[in-house]
């Protein structure tokens, strides 16, 4: 004969097992969801902060030589930031998410650097472009050049302006092509490290 007590307790045990499984799923997916939210927030904050600095920073009173020096120093800064981000990806518990954050920071910094250079160039040498550039116009021209849209409403007229525009075009191609491959390699290295090094408690965390 069937045990009535056992029959009554079976549904309760099933519910307890289901609750335990749900709790385990929440514990597994909770850190990943928090990490995704943190990456999104940081990316937005980084982009907002850089754009704010671009509009607040007084970008005037510089000569063409000063603009060239600013561009060279800014490009060096982009390379240094990118190199640091690549290293951080390899040691991050969430390499893919860190790569998204790194790409957002590097891309925004790259675009704002050229926007500031165009603005300084037009300020120091009026007529370098087909129309006077405000900071918004400079950012607009930078984005259309990067996106290869080429509306033609703003064009570089001076030799210096065209050289800087060509540098941006070449840098954009490198950023989209070479830098993306480097980030992908760093992500793979980070994933291999997480699987290989249990001391960092990577294996107990969900893959991003």
N, C-alpha and C. Protein backbone atom coordinates (compact mmCIF):
# COMPACT_ATOMS: atom_id res chain seq x y z
N UNK A 1 0.84 -1.21 0.00
CA UNK A 1 0.00 0.00 0.00
C UNK A 1 0.87 1.26 0.00
N UNK A 2 0.37 2.27 -0.66
CA UNK A 2 1.10 3.52 -0.71
C UNK A 2 1.02 4.24 0.63
N UNK A 3 2.07 4.89 0.98
CA UNK A 3 2.13 5.64 2.23
C UNK A 3 1.48 6.99 2.02
N UNK A 4 0.33 7.26 2.67
CA UNK A 4 -0.33 8.56 2.49
C UNK A 4 0.55 9.73 2.89
N UNK A 5 1.34 9.54 3.96
CA UNK A 5 2.21 10.62 4.43
C UNK A 5 3.26 10.96 3.37
N UNK A 6 3.82 9.90 2.75
CA UNK A 6 4.83 10.14 1.71
C UNK A 6 4.21 10.83 0.51
N UNK A 7 2.97 10.43 0.17
CA UNK A 7 2.27 11.05 -0.96
C UNK A 7 2.02 12.52 -0.70
N UNK A 8 1.73 12.85 0.59
CA UNK A 8 1.46 14.24 0.90
C UNK A 8 2.73 15.09 0.88
N UNK A 9 3.85 14.46 1.27
CA UNK A 9 5.09 15.23 1.35
C UNK A 9 5.79 15.37 -0.01
N UNK A 10 5.44 14.52 -0.99
CA UNK A 10 6.12 14.60 -2.28
C UNK A 10 5.94 15.95 -2.96
N UNK A 11 4.74 16.49 -3.08
CA UNK A 11 4.58 17.82 -3.69
C UNK A 11 5.38 18.89 -2.95
N UNK A 12 5.41 18.79 -1.62
CA UNK A 12 6.16 19.77 -0.85
C UNK A 12 7.65 19.69 -1.17
N UNK A 13 8.15 18.45 -1.30
CA UNK A 13 9.57 18.29 -1.64
C UNK A 13 9.86 18.82 -3.04
N UNK A 14 8.94 18.58 -3.96
CA UNK A 14 9.13 19.09 -5.31
C UNK A 14 9.18 20.61 -5.33
N UNK A 15 8.30 21.22 -4.55
CA UNK A 15 8.30 22.67 -4.48
C UNK A 15 9.61 23.19 -3.89
N UNK A 16 10.10 22.51 -2.85
CA UNK A 16 11.36 22.91 -2.24
C UNK A 16 12.52 22.80 -3.22
N UNK A 17 12.51 21.69 -4.00
CA UNK A 17 13.57 21.52 -5.00
C UNK A 17 13.50 22.59 -6.08
N UNK A 18 12.28 22.91 -6.52
CA UNK A 18 12.12 23.96 -7.52
C UNK A 18 12.57 25.31 -6.99
N UNK A 19 12.25 25.59 -5.73
CA UNK A 19 12.67 26.85 -5.12
C UNK A 19 14.19 26.93 -5.01
N UNK A 20 14.81 25.77 -4.66
CA UNK A 20 16.27 25.75 -4.58
C UNK A 20 16.91 25.98 -5.95
N UNK A 21 16.33 25.35 -6.98
CA UNK A 21 16.86 25.54 -8.33
C UNK A 21 16.71 26.99 -8.79
N UNK A 22 15.56 27.60 -8.48
CA UNK A 22 15.36 29.00 -8.84
C UNK A 22 16.35 29.90 -8.12
N UNK A 23 16.61 29.60 -6.84
CA UNK A 23 17.56 30.39 -6.08
C UNK A 23 18.97 30.25 -6.65
N UNK A 24 19.33 29.03 -7.05
CA UNK A 24 20.64 28.81 -7.66
C UNK A 24 20.78 29.55 -8.98
N UNK A 25 19.70 29.57 -9.78
CA UNK A 25 19.73 30.31 -11.04
C UNK A 25 19.90 31.81 -10.79
N UNK A 26 19.19 32.31 -9.78
CA UNK A 26 19.32 33.73 -9.45
C UNK A 26 20.74 34.06 -9.02
N UNK A 27 21.34 33.16 -8.24
CA UNK A 27 22.71 33.40 -7.79
C UNK A 27 23.70 33.34 -8.95
N UNK A 28 23.42 32.48 -9.94
CA UNK A 28 24.33 32.38 -11.09
C UNK A 28 24.21 33.58 -12.01
N UNK A 29 22.96 34.00 -12.25
CA UNK A 29 22.74 35.07 -13.23
C UNK A 29 22.77 36.46 -12.61
N UNK A 30 22.62 36.55 -11.30
CA UNK A 30 22.62 37.86 -10.65
C UNK A 30 23.89 38.65 -10.90
N UNK A 31 25.08 38.06 -10.65
CA UNK A 31 26.32 38.83 -10.90
C UNK A 31 26.46 39.28 -12.34
N UNK A 32 26.04 38.45 -13.29
CA UNK A 32 26.18 38.84 -14.69
C UNK A 32 25.27 40.01 -15.03
N UNK A 33 24.04 39.99 -14.51
CA UNK A 33 23.12 41.09 -14.77
C UNK A 33 23.65 42.38 -14.15
N UNK A 34 24.18 42.28 -12.93
CA UNK A 34 24.74 43.46 -12.29
C UNK A 34 25.94 43.98 -13.06
N UNK A 35 26.77 43.05 -13.56
CA UNK A 35 27.94 43.46 -14.34
C UNK A 35 27.52 44.15 -15.63
N UNK A 36 26.50 43.64 -16.32
CA UNK A 36 26.01 44.28 -17.54
C UNK A 36 25.49 45.68 -17.25
N UNK A 37 24.73 45.80 -16.16
CA UNK A 37 24.20 47.11 -15.81
C UNK A 37 25.33 48.08 -15.47
N UNK A 38 26.35 47.57 -14.75
CA UNK A 38 27.48 48.42 -14.38
C UNK A 38 28.24 48.89 -15.62
N UNK A 39 28.43 47.99 -16.59
CA UNK A 39 29.13 48.36 -17.82
C UNK A 39 28.36 49.43 -18.58
N UNK A 40 27.04 49.25 -18.68
CA UNK A 40 26.21 50.23 -19.38
C UNK A 40 26.29 51.59 -18.70
N UNK A 41 26.20 51.60 -17.38
CA UNK A 41 26.25 52.86 -16.63
C UNK A 41 27.61 53.52 -16.80
N UNK A 42 28.69 52.71 -16.68
CA UNK A 42 30.03 53.29 -16.82
C UNK A 42 30.26 53.84 -18.22
N UNK A 43 29.80 53.11 -19.24
CA UNK A 43 29.98 53.58 -20.61
C UNK A 43 29.25 54.91 -20.83
N UNK A 44 28.03 55.01 -20.32
CA UNK A 44 27.27 56.25 -20.46
C UNK A 44 27.95 57.39 -19.69
N UNK A 45 28.44 57.09 -18.48
CA UNK A 45 29.10 58.12 -17.68
C UNK A 45 30.40 58.58 -18.34
N UNK A 46 31.16 57.64 -18.88
CA UNK A 46 32.42 58.00 -19.55
C UNK A 46 32.14 58.89 -20.75
N UNK A 47 31.19 58.47 -21.60
CA UNK A 47 30.86 59.26 -22.78
C UNK A 47 30.33 60.64 -22.39
N UNK A 48 29.45 60.69 -21.41
CA UNK A 48 28.89 61.97 -20.97
C UNK A 48 29.97 62.88 -20.40
N UNK A 49 30.87 62.30 -19.60
CA UNK A 49 31.93 63.10 -18.99
C UNK A 49 32.86 63.67 -20.05
N UNK A 50 33.25 62.84 -21.03
CA UNK A 50 34.16 63.31 -22.07
C UNK A 50 33.52 64.39 -22.94
N UNK A 51 32.25 64.22 -23.28
CA UNK A 51 31.55 65.24 -24.07
C UNK A 51 31.41 66.53 -23.27
N UNK A 52 31.13 66.40 -21.98
CA UNK A 52 31.02 67.59 -21.13
C UNK A 52 32.35 68.34 -21.07
N UNK A 53 33.44 67.60 -20.90
CA UNK A 53 34.76 68.23 -20.88
C UNK A 53 35.04 68.92 -22.21
N UNK A 54 34.65 68.28 -23.30
CA UNK A 54 34.87 68.86 -24.62
C UNK A 54 34.17 70.21 -24.76
N UNK A 55 32.95 70.31 -24.28
CA UNK A 55 32.20 71.57 -24.42
C UNK A 55 32.62 72.61 -23.37
N UNK A 56 33.07 72.16 -22.21
CA UNK A 56 33.42 73.11 -21.14
C UNK A 56 34.85 73.61 -21.30
N UNK A 57 35.75 72.76 -21.78
CA UNK A 57 37.16 73.14 -21.88
C UNK A 57 37.34 74.29 -22.86
N UNK A 58 38.04 75.36 -22.46
CA UNK A 58 38.26 76.49 -23.39
C UNK A 58 39.27 76.12 -24.47
N UNK A 59 38.82 75.89 -25.66
CA UNK A 59 39.69 75.48 -26.76
C UNK A 59 39.93 76.67 -27.68
N UNK A 60 40.64 77.65 -27.19
CA UNK A 60 40.95 78.81 -28.02
C UNK A 60 42.32 79.35 -27.63
N UNK A 61 42.78 80.28 -28.42
CA UNK A 61 44.06 80.91 -28.12
C UNK A 61 45.27 80.06 -28.49
N UNK A 62 45.08 79.02 -29.30
CA UNK A 62 46.20 78.17 -29.71
C UNK A 62 46.52 78.41 -31.18
N UNK A 63 47.79 78.28 -31.51
CA UNK A 63 48.23 78.41 -32.89
C UNK A 63 48.08 77.07 -33.60
N UNK A 64 48.38 77.07 -34.89
CA UNK A 64 48.33 75.81 -35.65
C UNK A 64 49.32 74.81 -35.10
N UNK A 65 50.50 75.30 -34.69
CA UNK A 65 51.49 74.40 -34.09
C UNK A 65 50.97 73.80 -32.80
N UNK A 66 50.31 74.63 -31.99
CA UNK A 66 49.72 74.12 -30.76
C UNK A 66 48.64 73.10 -31.03
N UNK A 67 47.85 73.31 -32.06
CA UNK A 67 46.81 72.34 -32.42
C UNK A 67 47.43 71.01 -32.84
N UNK A 68 48.54 71.09 -33.61
CA UNK A 68 49.22 69.87 -34.03
C UNK A 68 49.79 69.12 -32.83
N UNK A 69 50.36 69.88 -31.88
CA UNK A 69 50.91 69.25 -30.68
C UNK A 69 49.79 68.61 -29.86
N UNK A 70 48.65 69.29 -29.78
CA UNK A 70 47.51 68.72 -29.06
C UNK A 70 47.03 67.43 -29.71
N UNK A 71 46.98 67.41 -31.04
CA UNK A 71 46.54 66.22 -31.75
C UNK A 71 47.51 65.07 -31.51
N UNK A 72 48.82 65.34 -31.61
CA UNK A 72 49.81 64.30 -31.40
C UNK A 72 49.74 63.75 -29.97
N UNK A 73 49.66 64.66 -29.00
CA UNK A 73 49.55 64.22 -27.61
C UNK A 73 48.25 63.47 -27.35
N UNK A 74 47.17 63.93 -27.98
CA UNK A 74 45.89 63.25 -27.80
C UNK A 74 45.90 61.85 -28.39
N UNK A 75 46.51 61.70 -29.56
CA UNK A 75 46.60 60.37 -30.17
C UNK A 75 47.43 59.43 -29.30
N UNK A 76 48.50 59.97 -28.72
CA UNK A 76 49.31 59.16 -27.80
C UNK A 76 48.48 58.74 -26.59
N UNK A 77 47.66 59.66 -26.09
CA UNK A 77 46.78 59.33 -24.97
C UNK A 77 45.78 58.25 -25.35
N UNK A 78 45.23 58.32 -26.56
CA UNK A 78 44.29 57.29 -27.02
C UNK A 78 44.97 55.93 -27.04
N UNK A 79 46.22 55.88 -27.54
CA UNK A 79 46.95 54.62 -27.59
C UNK A 79 47.21 54.08 -26.19
N UNK A 80 47.59 54.97 -25.27
CA UNK A 80 47.86 54.54 -23.90
C UNK A 80 46.59 54.03 -23.22
N UNK A 81 45.49 54.75 -23.39
CA UNK A 81 44.22 54.32 -22.81
C UNK A 81 43.80 52.97 -23.39
N UNK A 82 43.96 52.82 -24.70
CA UNK A 82 43.57 51.57 -25.35
C UNK A 82 44.44 50.42 -24.84
N UNK A 83 45.74 50.65 -24.70
CA UNK A 83 46.64 49.60 -24.21
C UNK A 83 46.27 49.20 -22.79
N UNK A 84 45.95 50.18 -21.95
CA UNK A 84 45.54 49.87 -20.58
C UNK A 84 44.24 49.08 -20.57
N UNK A 85 43.32 49.44 -21.43
CA UNK A 85 42.03 48.75 -21.49
C UNK A 85 42.22 47.29 -21.95
N UNK A 86 43.13 47.08 -22.92
CA UNK A 86 43.39 45.71 -23.40
C UNK A 86 43.91 44.86 -22.26
N UNK A 87 44.82 45.38 -21.48
CA UNK A 87 45.35 44.64 -20.34
C UNK A 87 44.25 44.38 -19.31
N UNK A 88 43.39 45.37 -19.08
CA UNK A 88 42.31 45.19 -18.12
C UNK A 88 41.33 44.12 -18.58
N UNK A 89 41.11 44.01 -19.88
CA UNK A 89 40.20 42.99 -20.41
C UNK A 89 40.74 41.60 -20.09
N UNK A 90 42.05 41.40 -20.29
CA UNK A 90 42.65 40.08 -20.08
C UNK A 90 42.53 39.62 -18.64
N UNK A 91 42.43 40.55 -17.69
CA UNK A 91 42.37 40.19 -16.28
C UNK A 91 40.98 40.41 -15.68
N UNK A 92 40.02 40.74 -16.52
CA UNK A 92 38.67 40.99 -16.03
C UNK A 92 37.88 39.69 -15.90
N UNK A 93 37.04 39.56 -14.87
CA UNK A 93 36.18 38.37 -14.77
C UNK A 93 35.09 38.34 -15.84
N UNK A 94 34.84 39.48 -16.47
CA UNK A 94 33.85 39.58 -17.54
C UNK A 94 34.52 40.23 -18.76
N UNK A 95 35.33 39.49 -19.49
CA UNK A 95 36.12 40.09 -20.58
C UNK A 95 35.27 40.74 -21.67
N UNK A 96 34.18 40.12 -22.07
CA UNK A 96 33.37 40.69 -23.15
C UNK A 96 32.76 42.01 -22.73
N UNK A 97 32.25 42.07 -21.52
CA UNK A 97 31.64 43.31 -21.04
C UNK A 97 32.70 44.40 -20.91
N UNK A 98 33.87 44.04 -20.42
CA UNK A 98 34.95 45.01 -20.31
C UNK A 98 35.39 45.51 -21.68
N UNK A 99 35.33 44.65 -22.70
CA UNK A 99 35.70 45.06 -24.05
C UNK A 99 34.71 46.10 -24.59
N UNK A 100 33.44 45.94 -24.28
CA UNK A 100 32.44 46.92 -24.71
C UNK A 100 32.73 48.28 -24.08
N UNK A 101 33.03 48.26 -22.78
CA UNK A 101 33.37 49.50 -22.09
C UNK A 101 34.63 50.13 -22.67
N UNK A 102 35.64 49.30 -22.96
CA UNK A 102 36.90 49.81 -23.51
C UNK A 102 36.68 50.44 -24.88
N UNK A 103 35.89 49.78 -25.72
CA UNK A 103 35.64 50.31 -27.06
C UNK A 103 34.89 51.63 -26.99
N UNK A 104 33.92 51.72 -26.09
CA UNK A 104 33.15 52.96 -25.95
C UNK A 104 34.05 54.11 -25.51
N UNK A 105 34.91 53.86 -24.52
CA UNK A 105 35.79 54.92 -24.02
C UNK A 105 36.79 55.35 -25.09
N UNK A 106 37.39 54.38 -25.78
CA UNK A 106 38.40 54.70 -26.79
C UNK A 106 37.78 55.45 -27.97
N UNK A 107 36.61 54.99 -28.42
CA UNK A 107 35.96 55.60 -29.57
C UNK A 107 35.55 57.04 -29.28
N UNK A 108 34.94 57.27 -28.13
CA UNK A 108 34.49 58.63 -27.78
C UNK A 108 35.70 59.55 -27.65
N UNK A 109 36.76 59.08 -27.00
CA UNK A 109 37.96 59.90 -26.85
C UNK A 109 38.58 60.23 -28.21
N UNK A 110 38.61 59.25 -29.10
CA UNK A 110 39.15 59.44 -30.45
C UNK A 110 38.36 60.51 -31.22
N UNK A 111 37.05 60.40 -31.19
CA UNK A 111 36.21 61.34 -31.93
C UNK A 111 36.30 62.76 -31.36
N UNK A 112 36.27 62.88 -30.04
CA UNK A 112 36.35 64.21 -29.43
C UNK A 112 37.71 64.85 -29.64
N UNK A 113 38.74 64.04 -29.71
CA UNK A 113 40.07 64.57 -29.97
C UNK A 113 40.13 65.27 -31.33
N UNK A 114 39.58 64.63 -32.35
CA UNK A 114 39.60 65.24 -33.68
C UNK A 114 38.62 66.41 -33.77
N UNK A 115 37.50 66.31 -33.08
CA UNK A 115 36.57 67.44 -33.07
C UNK A 115 37.24 68.68 -32.48
N UNK A 116 37.96 68.49 -31.37
CA UNK A 116 38.67 69.61 -30.77
C UNK A 116 39.76 70.16 -31.67
N UNK A 117 40.43 69.27 -32.39
CA UNK A 117 41.48 69.71 -33.31
C UNK A 117 40.91 70.52 -34.45
N UNK A 118 39.78 70.09 -35.01
CA UNK A 118 39.14 70.86 -36.09
C UNK A 118 38.71 72.23 -35.59
N UNK A 119 38.17 72.27 -34.40
CA UNK A 119 37.72 73.55 -33.85
C UNK A 119 38.91 74.49 -33.65
N UNK A 120 40.01 73.98 -33.10
CA UNK A 120 41.20 74.80 -32.89
C UNK A 120 41.80 75.26 -34.21
N UNK A 121 41.78 74.37 -35.20
CA UNK A 121 42.34 74.72 -36.50
C UNK A 121 41.56 75.85 -37.15
N UNK A 122 40.25 75.79 -37.09
CA UNK A 122 39.42 76.85 -37.67
C UNK A 122 39.56 78.14 -36.87
N UNK A 123 39.74 78.00 -35.53
CA UNK A 123 39.89 79.19 -34.70
C UNK A 123 41.22 79.89 -34.99
N UNK A 124 42.29 79.12 -35.12
CA UNK A 124 43.62 79.71 -35.33
C UNK A 124 43.85 80.12 -36.78
N UNK A 125 43.22 79.38 -37.72
CA UNK A 125 43.38 79.69 -39.14
C UNK A 125 42.01 79.73 -39.79
N UNK A 126 41.30 80.85 -39.69
CA UNK A 126 39.96 80.93 -40.29
C UNK A 126 40.00 80.63 -41.79
N UNK A 127 38.98 79.95 -42.26
CA UNK A 127 38.90 79.57 -43.65
C UNK A 127 39.46 78.19 -43.94
N UNK A 128 39.89 77.48 -42.87
CA UNK A 128 40.39 76.12 -43.07
C UNK A 128 39.28 75.18 -43.52
N UNK A 129 38.04 75.54 -43.21
CA UNK A 129 36.90 74.73 -43.62
C UNK A 129 35.92 75.59 -44.41
N UNK A 130 34.98 74.95 -45.02
CA UNK A 130 34.05 75.65 -45.91
C UNK A 130 33.14 76.61 -45.16
N UNK A 131 33.07 76.52 -43.86
CA UNK A 131 32.29 77.45 -43.05
C UNK A 131 32.89 77.50 -41.66
N UNK A 132 32.67 78.58 -40.91
CA UNK A 132 33.18 78.65 -39.54
C UNK A 132 32.60 77.51 -38.68
N UNK A 133 33.43 76.96 -37.82
CA UNK A 133 33.02 75.80 -37.04
C UNK A 133 32.84 76.15 -35.57
N UNK A 134 31.68 75.81 -35.05
CA UNK A 134 31.49 75.80 -33.61
C UNK A 134 31.93 74.42 -33.10
N UNK A 135 31.87 74.23 -31.80
CA UNK A 135 32.23 72.92 -31.26
C UNK A 135 31.27 71.84 -31.75
N UNK A 136 30.00 72.19 -31.86
CA UNK A 136 29.02 71.24 -32.37
C UNK A 136 29.27 70.93 -33.84
N UNK A 137 29.59 71.97 -34.63
CA UNK A 137 29.92 71.75 -36.04
C UNK A 137 31.14 70.84 -36.18
N UNK A 138 32.14 71.07 -35.34
CA UNK A 138 33.35 70.26 -35.39
C UNK A 138 33.05 68.80 -35.06
N UNK A 139 32.23 68.58 -34.05
CA UNK A 139 31.86 67.21 -33.69
C UNK A 139 31.04 66.57 -34.79
N UNK A 140 30.15 67.35 -35.39
CA UNK A 140 29.34 66.86 -36.51
C UNK A 140 30.22 66.44 -37.68
N UNK A 141 31.20 67.28 -38.03
CA UNK A 141 32.11 66.96 -39.13
C UNK A 141 32.93 65.71 -38.81
N UNK A 142 33.34 65.58 -37.55
CA UNK A 142 34.10 64.40 -37.13
C UNK A 142 33.28 63.12 -37.28
N UNK A 143 32.04 63.17 -36.85
CA UNK A 143 31.17 61.99 -36.92
C UNK A 143 30.86 61.62 -38.37
N UNK A 144 30.59 62.60 -39.21
CA UNK A 144 30.28 62.28 -40.61
C UNK A 144 31.51 61.73 -41.33
N UNK A 145 32.69 62.22 -40.96
CA UNK A 145 33.92 61.68 -41.55
C UNK A 145 34.16 60.26 -41.08
N UNK A 146 33.97 60.01 -39.77
CA UNK A 146 34.18 58.67 -39.23
C UNK A 146 33.20 57.67 -39.82
N UNK A 147 31.95 58.11 -39.98
CA UNK A 147 30.91 57.23 -40.52
C UNK A 147 30.96 57.12 -42.04
N UNK A 148 31.89 57.85 -42.68
CA UNK A 148 32.05 57.88 -44.14
C UNK A 148 30.75 58.28 -44.84
N UNK A 149 29.95 59.12 -44.18
CA UNK A 149 28.71 59.59 -44.80
C UNK A 149 29.02 60.62 -45.86
N UNK A 150 29.83 61.61 -45.49
CA UNK A 150 30.26 62.61 -46.46
C UNK A 150 29.14 63.42 -47.07
N UNK A 151 28.38 64.16 -46.25
CA UNK A 151 27.30 64.99 -46.78
C UNK A 151 27.84 66.11 -47.67
N UNK A 152 29.04 66.57 -47.42
CA UNK A 152 29.62 67.62 -48.24
C UNK A 152 29.25 69.02 -47.83
N UNK A 153 28.45 69.18 -46.76
CA UNK A 153 28.08 70.52 -46.32
C UNK A 153 29.23 71.21 -45.61
N UNK A 154 30.12 70.43 -44.96
CA UNK A 154 31.33 70.98 -44.37
C UNK A 154 32.51 70.22 -44.96
N UNK A 155 33.45 70.94 -45.52
CA UNK A 155 34.62 70.32 -46.12
C UNK A 155 35.88 71.05 -45.68
N UNK A 156 37.00 70.31 -45.68
CA UNK A 156 38.28 70.91 -45.35
C UNK A 156 38.85 71.60 -46.59
N UNK A 157 39.25 72.86 -46.44
CA UNK A 157 39.77 73.61 -47.57
C UNK A 157 41.29 73.79 -47.51
N UNK A 158 41.81 74.00 -46.33
CA UNK A 158 43.25 74.22 -46.21
C UNK A 158 44.00 72.88 -46.27
N UNK A 159 45.28 72.97 -46.58
CA UNK A 159 46.10 71.76 -46.64
C UNK A 159 46.19 71.10 -45.26
N UNK A 160 46.33 71.92 -44.22
CA UNK A 160 46.41 71.37 -42.87
C UNK A 160 45.11 70.66 -42.49
N UNK A 161 43.98 71.31 -42.83
CA UNK A 161 42.69 70.69 -42.53
C UNK A 161 42.51 69.36 -43.24
N UNK A 162 42.95 69.28 -44.47
CA UNK A 162 42.82 68.03 -45.22
C UNK A 162 43.75 66.96 -44.68
N UNK A 163 44.94 67.37 -44.24
CA UNK A 163 45.87 66.40 -43.66
C UNK A 163 45.28 65.81 -42.37
N UNK A 164 44.73 66.68 -41.51
CA UNK A 164 44.13 66.20 -40.26
C UNK A 164 42.95 65.28 -40.56
N UNK A 165 42.16 65.65 -41.57
CA UNK A 165 41.01 64.80 -41.95
C UNK A 165 41.48 63.44 -42.44
N UNK A 166 42.56 63.41 -43.22
CA UNK A 166 43.09 62.12 -43.68
C UNK A 166 43.63 61.29 -42.53
N UNK A 167 44.25 61.98 -41.56
CA UNK A 167 44.74 61.25 -40.38
C UNK A 167 43.56 60.62 -39.63
N UNK A 168 42.46 61.38 -39.53
CA UNK A 168 41.28 60.80 -38.87
C UNK A 168 40.73 59.61 -39.64
N UNK A 169 40.69 59.72 -40.96
CA UNK A 169 40.20 58.60 -41.77
C UNK A 169 41.05 57.34 -41.55
N UNK A 170 42.39 57.52 -41.58
CA UNK A 170 43.28 56.38 -41.38
C UNK A 170 43.13 55.83 -39.96
N UNK A 171 43.05 56.75 -38.98
CA UNK A 171 42.86 56.30 -37.60
C UNK A 171 41.55 55.58 -37.39
N UNK A 172 40.49 56.06 -38.06
CA UNK A 172 39.20 55.38 -37.95
C UNK A 172 39.24 53.98 -38.51
N UNK A 173 39.93 53.80 -39.64
CA UNK A 173 40.06 52.46 -40.22
C UNK A 173 40.84 51.54 -39.28
N UNK A 174 41.91 52.07 -38.67
CA UNK A 174 42.68 51.27 -37.72
C UNK A 174 41.84 50.92 -36.50
N UNK A 175 41.04 51.88 -36.04
CA UNK A 175 40.22 51.65 -34.86
C UNK A 175 39.18 50.58 -35.13
N UNK A 176 38.55 50.64 -36.29
CA UNK A 176 37.51 49.67 -36.62
C UNK A 176 38.10 48.29 -36.93
N UNK A 177 39.24 48.29 -37.63
CA UNK A 177 39.83 47.02 -38.05
C UNK A 177 40.79 46.42 -37.06
N UNK A 178 41.96 47.05 -36.91
CA UNK A 178 43.02 46.49 -36.07
C UNK A 178 42.63 46.48 -34.60
N UNK A 179 42.12 47.61 -34.10
CA UNK A 179 41.77 47.68 -32.68
C UNK A 179 40.69 46.67 -32.32
N UNK A 180 39.72 46.48 -33.20
CA UNK A 180 38.66 45.50 -32.93
C UNK A 180 39.24 44.09 -32.83
N UNK A 181 40.20 43.77 -33.66
CA UNK A 181 40.84 42.45 -33.61
C UNK A 181 41.66 42.30 -32.32
N UNK A 182 42.33 43.37 -31.92
CA UNK A 182 43.10 43.31 -30.67
C UNK A 182 42.16 43.10 -29.48
N UNK A 183 41.03 43.81 -29.47
CA UNK A 183 40.06 43.63 -28.40
C UNK A 183 39.51 42.20 -28.38
N UNK A 184 39.24 41.65 -29.56
CA UNK A 184 38.75 40.27 -29.64
C UNK A 184 39.79 39.30 -29.09
N UNK A 185 41.07 39.54 -29.42
CA UNK A 185 42.13 38.70 -28.88
C UNK A 185 42.23 38.81 -27.37
N UNK A 186 42.07 40.03 -26.84
CA UNK A 186 42.13 40.22 -25.40
C UNK A 186 40.96 39.52 -24.71
N UNK A 187 39.79 39.55 -25.34
CA UNK A 187 38.64 38.85 -24.78
C UNK A 187 38.91 37.35 -24.71
N UNK A 188 39.44 36.77 -25.77
CA UNK A 188 39.75 35.35 -25.78
C UNK A 188 40.80 35.01 -24.72
N UNK A 189 41.80 35.88 -24.57
CA UNK A 189 42.81 35.65 -23.54
C UNK A 189 42.19 35.70 -22.14
N UNK A 190 41.28 36.64 -21.94
CA UNK A 190 40.60 36.73 -20.66
C UNK A 190 39.75 35.51 -20.37
N UNK A 191 39.06 35.00 -21.38
CA UNK A 191 38.23 33.81 -21.18
C UNK A 191 39.10 32.59 -20.88
N UNK A 192 40.24 32.46 -21.58
CA UNK A 192 41.14 31.34 -21.31
C UNK A 192 41.72 31.44 -19.91
N UNK A 193 42.05 32.65 -19.50
CA UNK A 193 42.59 32.83 -18.16
C UNK A 193 41.55 32.47 -17.11
N UNK A 194 40.32 32.85 -17.34
CA UNK A 194 39.26 32.56 -16.38
C UNK A 194 39.03 31.07 -16.24
N UNK A 195 39.12 30.34 -17.34
CA UNK A 195 38.92 28.89 -17.30
C UNK A 195 40.14 28.17 -16.73
N UNK A 196 41.33 28.77 -16.91
CA UNK A 196 42.57 28.11 -16.52
C UNK A 196 42.95 28.38 -15.08
N UNK A 197 42.54 29.51 -14.52
CA UNK A 197 43.00 29.95 -13.21
C UNK A 197 41.85 29.94 -12.22
N UNK A 198 41.59 28.80 -11.57
CA UNK A 198 40.47 28.75 -10.62
C UNK A 198 40.72 29.56 -9.36
N UNK A 199 41.98 29.95 -9.11
CA UNK A 199 42.28 30.72 -7.91
C UNK A 199 41.61 32.09 -7.91
N UNK A 200 41.30 32.60 -9.14
CA UNK A 200 40.62 33.89 -9.24
C UNK A 200 39.12 33.75 -9.13
N UNK A 201 38.65 32.50 -8.94
CA UNK A 201 37.22 32.22 -8.81
C UNK A 201 36.47 32.60 -10.06
N UNK A 202 37.15 32.49 -11.24
CA UNK A 202 36.50 32.79 -12.49
C UNK A 202 35.53 31.69 -12.87
N UNK A 203 35.91 30.44 -12.58
CA UNK A 203 35.08 29.33 -13.05
C UNK A 203 33.74 29.28 -12.33
N UNK A 204 33.66 29.88 -11.16
CA UNK A 204 32.40 29.86 -10.43
C UNK A 204 31.47 30.97 -10.88
N UNK A 205 31.98 31.85 -11.74
CA UNK A 205 31.15 32.95 -12.22
C UNK A 205 30.59 32.62 -13.58
N UNK A 206 29.39 33.13 -13.90
CA UNK A 206 28.82 32.87 -15.21
C UNK A 206 29.59 33.56 -16.30
N UNK A 207 29.69 32.95 -17.44
CA UNK A 207 30.35 33.57 -18.57
C UNK A 207 29.48 34.69 -19.11
N UNK A 208 30.13 35.82 -19.42
CA UNK A 208 29.37 36.95 -19.94
C UNK A 208 29.13 36.77 -21.42
